[in-house]
Amino acid sequence: MRRFSKTRVNNFFPMPGEKRPALKKRKRIPYEFVLDAISSLSPRTHSMFGCLAVYVRNKIVLILREKETESADNGVWLATTDEHHESLRREFPAMRSIQVFGGGTTGWQVLPAEEENFEESALHACELIVAGDARIGKIPGTKRPARTADAKKEKAYSRARKKRTVRRRSGK
């Protein structure tokens, strides 16, 4: 058995004359005051749709979106359901469905960043989240389990068998 099984390269101390590898620039967190307002709940964040999704426990509660292009839906997205839209709209008159996924009503409602009272509205939404308001937040659906290699082979075999059957019936 070898004493040193793997050679490791230390990228932090390049050899003289070598350039340091470029570091990936971190994106700025949009509307960081929102995370500060719900910090008592220990929120966690993940990148989603090129935005920042905010989770509290097992629920997704918000998405923070600030893009230079397609800025119509910039602001704080609230995760909610159709049944809560009317009551939330009484508290947030500027709230509307997001447009980026096409027209119509969606579960994602946005507090638009261009509105005059945007920060006040976003902070009020944070107060509702901290208070445990059931109208904001959704438990994400479970992901389908990945197919095993055997299941992939079986599906490919099944497709090929169907093609052969179709060719035989059509006389080709």
Protein backbone atom coordinates (compact mmCIF):
# COMPACT_ATOMS: atom_id res chain seq x y z
CA MET A 1 0.00 0.00 0.00
CA ARG A 2 1.35 3.41 -0.96
CA ARG A 3 1.72 6.00 1.70
CA PHE A 4 0.33 8.82 -0.46
CA SER A 5 -2.43 7.45 -2.64
CA LYS A 6 -3.39 10.71 -4.38
CA THR A 7 -1.48 13.73 -5.45
CA ARG A 8 -3.31 16.88 -4.48
CA VAL A 9 -2.80 20.22 -6.15
CA ASN A 10 -2.95 23.24 -3.92
CA ASN A 11 -4.65 25.96 -5.97
CA PHE A 12 -4.29 28.58 -3.26
CA PHE A 13 -0.52 28.89 -3.64
CA PRO A 14 0.37 28.92 -7.34
CA MET A 15 3.94 28.39 -8.42
CA PRO A 16 5.91 31.56 -9.24
CA GLY A 17 4.93 32.79 -12.68
CA GLU A 18 1.58 30.96 -12.68
CA LYS A 19 -1.68 32.88 -12.72
CA ARG A 20 -4.27 32.29 -10.04
CA PRO A 21 -7.44 30.67 -11.32
CA ALA A 22 -10.28 33.12 -11.83
CA LEU A 23 -12.75 33.10 -8.98
CA LYS A 24 -16.42 32.97 -9.80
CA LYS A 25 -17.97 36.29 -8.91
CA ARG A 26 -20.87 35.95 -6.49
CA LYS A 27 -24.14 37.58 -7.41
CA ARG A 28 -25.40 40.34 -5.19
CA ILE A 29 -28.39 39.32 -3.07
CA PRO A 30 -31.40 41.33 -4.25
CA TYR A 31 -33.46 43.08 -1.60
CA GLU A 32 -31.26 41.80 1.21
CA PHE A 33 -33.37 43.68 3.76
CA VAL A 34 -36.01 40.96 3.28
CA LEU A 35 -33.63 38.27 4.55
CA ASP A 36 -32.70 40.50 7.48
CA ALA A 37 -36.38 40.90 8.36
CA ILE A 38 -36.98 37.13 8.58
CA SER A 39 -33.57 36.21 10.00
CA SER A 40 -35.16 35.04 13.27
CA LEU A 41 -36.62 32.09 11.29
CA SER A 42 -33.19 31.02 9.98
CA PRO A 43 -34.17 31.14 6.30
CA ARG A 44 -32.12 29.29 3.71
CA THR A 45 -31.74 30.29 0.11
CA HIS A 46 -31.30 28.49 -3.20
CA SER A 47 -30.96 29.72 -6.75
CA MET A 48 -34.18 29.23 -8.73
CA PHE A 49 -35.18 30.62 -12.15
CA GLY A 50 -32.08 32.83 -12.00
CA CYS A 51 -33.47 34.38 -8.82
CA LEU A 52 -33.06 33.69 -5.11
CA ALA A 53 -35.63 31.38 -3.51
CA VAL A 54 -36.15 31.75 0.24
CA TYR A 55 -37.20 28.77 2.34
CA VAL A 56 -38.36 28.68 5.96
CA ARG A 57 -38.35 25.17 7.41
CA ASN A 58 -39.91 22.98 4.74
CA LYS A 59 -41.76 25.77 2.89
CA ILE A 60 -40.75 28.04 0.06
CA VAL A 61 -42.03 31.45 1.05
CA LEU A 62 -40.47 34.01 -1.28
CA ILE A 63 -38.41 34.54 -4.39
CA LEU A 64 -36.28 37.66 -4.67
CA ARG A 65 -35.93 38.80 -8.28
CA GLU A 66 -33.92 41.71 -9.63
CA LYS A 67 -32.91 41.44 -13.28
CA GLU A 68 -31.83 44.16 -15.66
CA THR A 69 -33.62 42.60 -18.62
CA GLU A 70 -37.25 41.55 -18.34
CA SER A 71 -37.65 43.74 -15.29
CA ALA A 72 -41.47 43.67 -15.22
CA ASP A 73 -41.51 40.96 -12.53
CA ASN A 74 -38.69 42.37 -10.39
CA GLY A 75 -39.56 42.47 -6.73
CA VAL A 76 -40.56 40.02 -4.04
CA TRP A 77 -42.56 37.00 -5.18
CA LEU A 78 -44.94 35.50 -2.63
CA ALA A 79 -45.60 31.76 -2.72
CA THR A 80 -49.32 31.41 -2.18
CA THR A 81 -52.42 29.76 -3.62
CA ASP A 82 -55.45 31.09 -5.52
CA GLU A 83 -57.68 30.87 -2.46
CA HIS A 84 -55.54 33.46 -0.62
CA HIS A 85 -55.15 36.02 -3.43
CA GLU A 86 -58.17 38.11 -2.50
CA SER A 87 -57.30 38.46 1.18
CA LEU A 88 -53.65 39.18 0.41
CA ARG A 89 -54.62 41.77 -2.20
CA ARG A 90 -56.52 43.69 0.50
CA GLU A 91 -53.22 43.99 2.39
CA PHE A 92 -51.06 44.47 -0.72
CA PRO A 93 -53.04 46.49 -3.30
CA ALA A 94 -50.12 46.49 -5.79
CA MET A 95 -49.76 42.69 -5.68
CA ARG A 96 -50.32 40.89 -8.99
CA SER A 97 -49.58 37.58 -10.70
CA ILE A 98 -46.15 37.27 -12.22
CA GLN A 99 -45.98 37.63 -15.99
CA VAL A 100 -42.77 35.77 -16.79
CA PHE A 101 -44.54 32.37 -17.01
CA GLY A 102 -47.25 33.68 -19.34
CA GLY A 103 -50.59 35.29 -18.71
CA GLY A 104 -53.22 34.31 -16.22
CA THR A 105 -53.31 33.86 -12.48
CA THR A 106 -50.46 31.95 -10.89
CA GLY A 107 -49.58 30.83 -7.39
CA TRP A 108 -46.68 33.25 -7.51
CA GLN A 109 -47.75 36.79 -6.72
CA VAL A 110 -45.30 39.67 -6.98
CA LEU A 111 -44.87 42.80 -4.94
CA PRO A 112 -43.41 44.88 -7.80
CA ALA A 113 -40.15 46.69 -7.07
CA GLU A 114 -41.22 49.73 -9.08
CA GLU A 115 -44.16 50.46 -6.77
CA GLU A 116 -43.91 53.46 -4.49
CA ASN A 117 -44.42 51.50 -1.23
CA PHE A 118 -42.37 48.44 -2.26
CA GLU A 119 -40.11 48.25 0.81
CA GLU A 120 -43.01 48.76 3.22
CA SER A 121 -45.04 46.05 1.46
CA ALA A 122 -42.09 43.63 1.42
CA LEU A 123 -41.44 44.20 5.12
CA HIS A 124 -45.14 43.67 5.90
CA ALA A 125 -44.99 40.35 4.01
CA CYS A 126 -41.98 39.44 6.16
CA GLU A 127 -43.97 40.26 9.30
CA LEU A 128 -46.72 37.89 8.11
CA ILE A 129 -44.16 35.14 7.47
CA VAL A 130 -42.58 35.60 10.92
CA ALA A 131 -46.06 35.48 12.47
CA GLY A 132 -46.70 32.16 10.71
CA ASP A 133 -49.43 33.39 8.36
CA ALA A 134 -50.65 30.31 6.46
CA ARG A 135 -51.43 32.34 3.32
CA ILE A 136 -47.74 32.69 2.44
CA GLY A 137 -45.62 29.64 1.76
CA LYS A 138 -45.94 26.32 -0.01
CA ILE A 139 -44.38 22.94 0.55
CA PRO A 140 -42.64 22.13 -2.74
CA GLY A 141 -43.75 18.99 -4.57
CA THR A 142 -41.53 15.97 -4.35
CA LYS A 143 -39.21 15.21 -7.22
CA ARG A 144 -39.67 12.03 -9.20
CA PRO A 145 -37.03 9.48 -8.36
CA ALA A 146 -34.36 9.09 -11.01
CA ARG A 147 -34.72 6.08 -13.27
CA THR A 148 -32.38 3.23 -12.66
CA ALA A 149 -30.16 2.00 -15.47
CA ASP A 150 -32.37 -1.10 -15.82
CA ALA A 151 -35.51 1.02 -16.16
CA LYS A 152 -33.84 3.16 -18.85
CA LYS A 153 -32.81 0.05 -20.80
CA GLU A 154 -36.32 -1.39 -20.50
CA LYS A 155 -37.88 1.82 -21.81
CA ALA A 156 -35.45 1.94 -24.76
CA TYR A 157 -36.16 -1.75 -25.50
CA SER A 158 -39.91 -1.09 -25.35
CA ARG A 159 -39.62 1.82 -27.83
CA ALA A 160 -37.57 -0.26 -30.25
CA ARG A 161 -40.09 -3.09 -30.04
CA LYS A 162 -42.95 -0.69 -30.84
CA LYS A 163 -41.07 0.68 -33.86
CA ARG A 164 -40.47 -2.84 -35.20
CA THR A 165 -44.16 -3.66 -34.78
CA VAL A 166 -45.22 -0.51 -36.63
CA ARG A 167 -42.77 -1.27 -39.49
CA ARG A 168 -44.06 -4.83 -39.84
CA ARG A 169 -47.69 -3.71 -39.95
CA SER A 170 -47.01 -1.01 -42.50
CA GLY A 171 -44.96 -3.36 -44.66
CA LYS A 172 -41.77 -1.35 -44.50
